[in-house]
Amino acid sequence: MRFASFKPASAFTRPARKNRFRRKSIFQSGTNTLGFRRLEIRCDARNERSARIPRALGYVQDALLKNDDVAADDPGQLRDTLVFSRVQ
């Protein structure tokens, strides 16, 4: 199950706050309906706005993966990845 992403500029606007309840219901659907015990969100470590979202939803940072993936803005560079999870 992948977490839906959105533009960072819209992350904390009024519609995005309303969508927070939908994202919480995604967690409830994943755990209650589908039987998942753990959901994970990953984001670029340089993107502070993206990292705020899982924290605001109660996810805990599990790891910082160094040089994990190719940077989207510079394919010649590797980027670090933050891993957040939430366990039922």
C-alpha atoms as a PDB file:
ATOM      1  CA  MET A   1       0.000   0.000   0.000  1.00  0.00           C
ATOM      2  CA  ARG A   2       1.453   3.338  -1.018  1.00  0.00           C
ATOM      3  CA  PHE A   3       0.746   6.677   0.618  1.00  0.00           C
ATOM      4  CA  ALA A   4      -0.739   9.261  -1.737  1.00  0.00           C
ATOM      5  CA  SER A   5       1.526  12.233  -2.298  1.00  0.00           C
ATOM      6  CA  PHE A   6       0.619  15.827  -3.063  1.00  0.00           C
ATOM      7  CA  LYS A   7       2.311  19.119  -3.829  1.00  0.00           C
ATOM      8  CA  PRO A   8       4.244  20.441  -0.803  1.00  0.00           C
ATOM      9  CA  ALA A   9       2.743  23.931  -1.155  1.00  0.00           C
ATOM     10  CA  SER A  10      -0.733  22.531  -0.534  1.00  0.00           C
ATOM     11  CA  ALA A  11       0.266  20.334   2.390  1.00  0.00           C
ATOM     12  CA  PHE A  12      -1.095  22.494   5.192  1.00  0.00           C
ATOM     13  CA  THR A  13      -3.942  24.375   3.530  1.00  0.00           C
ATOM     14  CA  ARG A  14      -7.531  24.075   4.693  1.00  0.00           C
ATOM     15  CA  PRO A  15      -8.461  21.370   2.126  1.00  0.00           C
ATOM     16  CA  ALA A  16      -5.376  19.367   3.095  1.00  0.00           C
ATOM     17  CA  ARG A  17      -6.368  19.527   6.783  1.00  0.00           C
ATOM     18  CA  LYS A  18      -9.793  18.184   5.820  1.00  0.00           C
ATOM     19  CA  ASN A  19      -8.061  15.397   3.924  1.00  0.00           C
ATOM     20  CA  ARG A  20      -6.168  14.484   7.095  1.00  0.00           C
ATOM     21  CA  PHE A  21      -9.323  12.701   8.238  1.00  0.00           C
ATOM     22  CA  ARG A  22      -9.354  10.761   4.973  1.00  0.00           C
ATOM     23  CA  ARG A  23      -5.717   9.779   5.484  1.00  0.00           C
ATOM     24  CA  LYS A  24      -6.535   8.616   9.002  1.00  0.00           C
ATOM     25  CA  SER A  25      -9.336   6.528   7.531  1.00  0.00           C
ATOM     26  CA  ILE A  26      -6.794   5.026   5.094  1.00  0.00           C
ATOM     27  CA  PHE A  27      -4.835   3.823   8.128  1.00  0.00           C
ATOM     28  CA  GLN A  28      -8.011   2.428   9.698  1.00  0.00           C
ATOM     29  CA  SER A  29      -8.996   0.711   6.438  1.00  0.00           C
ATOM     30  CA  GLY A  30      -5.535  -0.769   6.043  1.00  0.00           C
ATOM     31  CA  THR A  31      -5.447  -2.131   9.562  1.00  0.00           C
ATOM     32  CA  ASN A  32      -9.082  -3.046  10.178  1.00  0.00           C
ATOM     33  CA  THR A  33     -10.346  -4.118   6.748  1.00  0.00           C
ATOM     34  CA  LEU A  34      -7.215  -5.409   5.033  1.00  0.00           C
ATOM     35  CA  GLY A  35      -5.529  -6.760   8.144  1.00  0.00           C
ATOM     36  CA  PHE A  36      -2.260  -4.844   7.843  1.00  0.00           C
ATOM     37  CA  ARG A  37      -0.459  -4.431  11.144  1.00  0.00           C
ATOM     38  CA  ARG A  38       2.053  -1.845   9.955  1.00  0.00           C
ATOM     39  CA  LEU A  39       1.833   0.988   7.437  1.00  0.00           C
ATOM     40  CA  GLU A  40       4.898   2.836   6.163  1.00  0.00           C
ATOM     41  CA  ILE A  41       5.506   6.272   4.623  1.00  0.00           C
ATOM     42  CA  ARG A  42       8.783   7.243   2.943  1.00  0.00           C
ATOM     43  CA  CYS A  43       9.937  10.692   1.893  1.00  0.00           C
ATOM     44  CA  ASP A  44      13.071  12.568   0.855  1.00  0.00           C
ATOM     45  CA  ALA A  45      14.987  13.616   3.972  1.00  0.00           C
ATOM     46  CA  ARG A  46      15.520  17.123   2.534  1.00  0.00           C
ATOM     47  CA  ASN A  47      11.778  17.752   2.237  1.00  0.00           C
ATOM     48  CA  GLU A  48      10.793  18.988   5.697  1.00  0.00           C
ATOM     49  CA  ARG A  49       7.180  19.670   4.717  1.00  0.00           C
ATOM     50  CA  SER A  50       6.666  16.092   3.590  1.00  0.00           C
ATOM     51  CA  ALA A  51       8.204  14.815   6.825  1.00  0.00           C
ATOM     52  CA  ARG A  52       5.735  16.871   8.895  1.00  0.00           C
ATOM     53  CA  ILE A  53       2.733  15.027   7.482  1.00  0.00           C
ATOM     54  CA  PRO A  54       3.417  11.535   8.872  1.00  0.00           C
ATOM     55  CA  ARG A  55       4.468  13.049  12.206  1.00  0.00           C
ATOM     56  CA  ALA A  56       1.182  14.961  12.369  1.00  0.00           C
ATOM     57  CA  LEU A  57      -0.689  11.715  11.655  1.00  0.00           C
ATOM     58  CA  GLY A  58       1.006   9.853  14.503  1.00  0.00           C
ATOM     59  CA  TYR A  59       3.610   7.943  12.526  1.00  0.00           C
ATOM     60  CA  VAL A  60       7.015   7.368  14.139  1.00  0.00           C
ATOM     61  CA  GLN A  61      10.327   7.812  12.313  1.00  0.00           C
ATOM     62  CA  ASP A  62      11.939   4.396  12.060  1.00  0.00           C
ATOM     63  CA  ALA A  63      14.978   5.054   9.931  1.00  0.00           C
ATOM     64  CA  LEU A  64      17.102   7.400   7.900  1.00  0.00           C
ATOM     65  CA  LEU A  65      18.351   5.492   4.865  1.00  0.00           C
ATOM     66  CA  LYS A  66      21.560   7.114   3.620  1.00  0.00           C
ATOM     67  CA  ASN A  67      22.124   7.342  -0.157  1.00  0.00           C
ATOM     68  CA  ASP A  68      18.963   5.317  -0.672  1.00  0.00           C
ATOM     69  CA  ASP A  69      17.692   6.601  -4.021  1.00  0.00           C
ATOM     70  CA  VAL A  70      18.530   8.870  -6.930  1.00  0.00           C
ATOM     71  CA  ALA A  71      17.539  12.498  -6.326  1.00  0.00           C
ATOM     72  CA  ALA A  72      14.674  13.624  -8.573  1.00  0.00           C
ATOM     73  CA  ASP A  73      16.113  17.119  -9.005  1.00  0.00           C
ATOM     74  CA  ASP A  74      19.668  15.913  -9.771  1.00  0.00           C
ATOM     75  CA  PRO A  75      20.016  12.371 -11.195  1.00  0.00           C
ATOM     76  CA  GLY A  76      23.760  12.502 -10.558  1.00  0.00           C
ATOM     77  CA  GLN A  77      23.221  12.647  -6.778  1.00  0.00           C
ATOM     78  CA  LEU A  78      21.907  10.157  -4.267  1.00  0.00           C
ATOM     79  CA  ARG A  79      19.363  11.204  -1.658  1.00  0.00           C
ATOM     80  CA  ASP A  80      18.569  10.107   1.882  1.00  0.00           C
ATOM     81  CA  THR A  81      15.133   8.694   2.690  1.00  0.00           C
ATOM     82  CA  LEU A  82      13.137   9.023   5.913  1.00  0.00           C
ATOM     83  CA  VAL A  83      11.022   6.008   6.845  1.00  0.00           C
ATOM     84  CA  PHE A  84       7.975   6.486   9.068  1.00  0.00           C
ATOM     85  CA  SER A  85       5.655   3.742  10.275  1.00  0.00           C
ATOM     86  CA  ARG A  86       2.576   3.238  12.323  1.00  0.00           C
ATOM     87  CA  VAL A  87       1.752  -0.061  13.964  1.00  0.00           C
ATOM     88  CA  GLN A  88      -1.667  -1.140  15.149  1.00  0.00           C
END
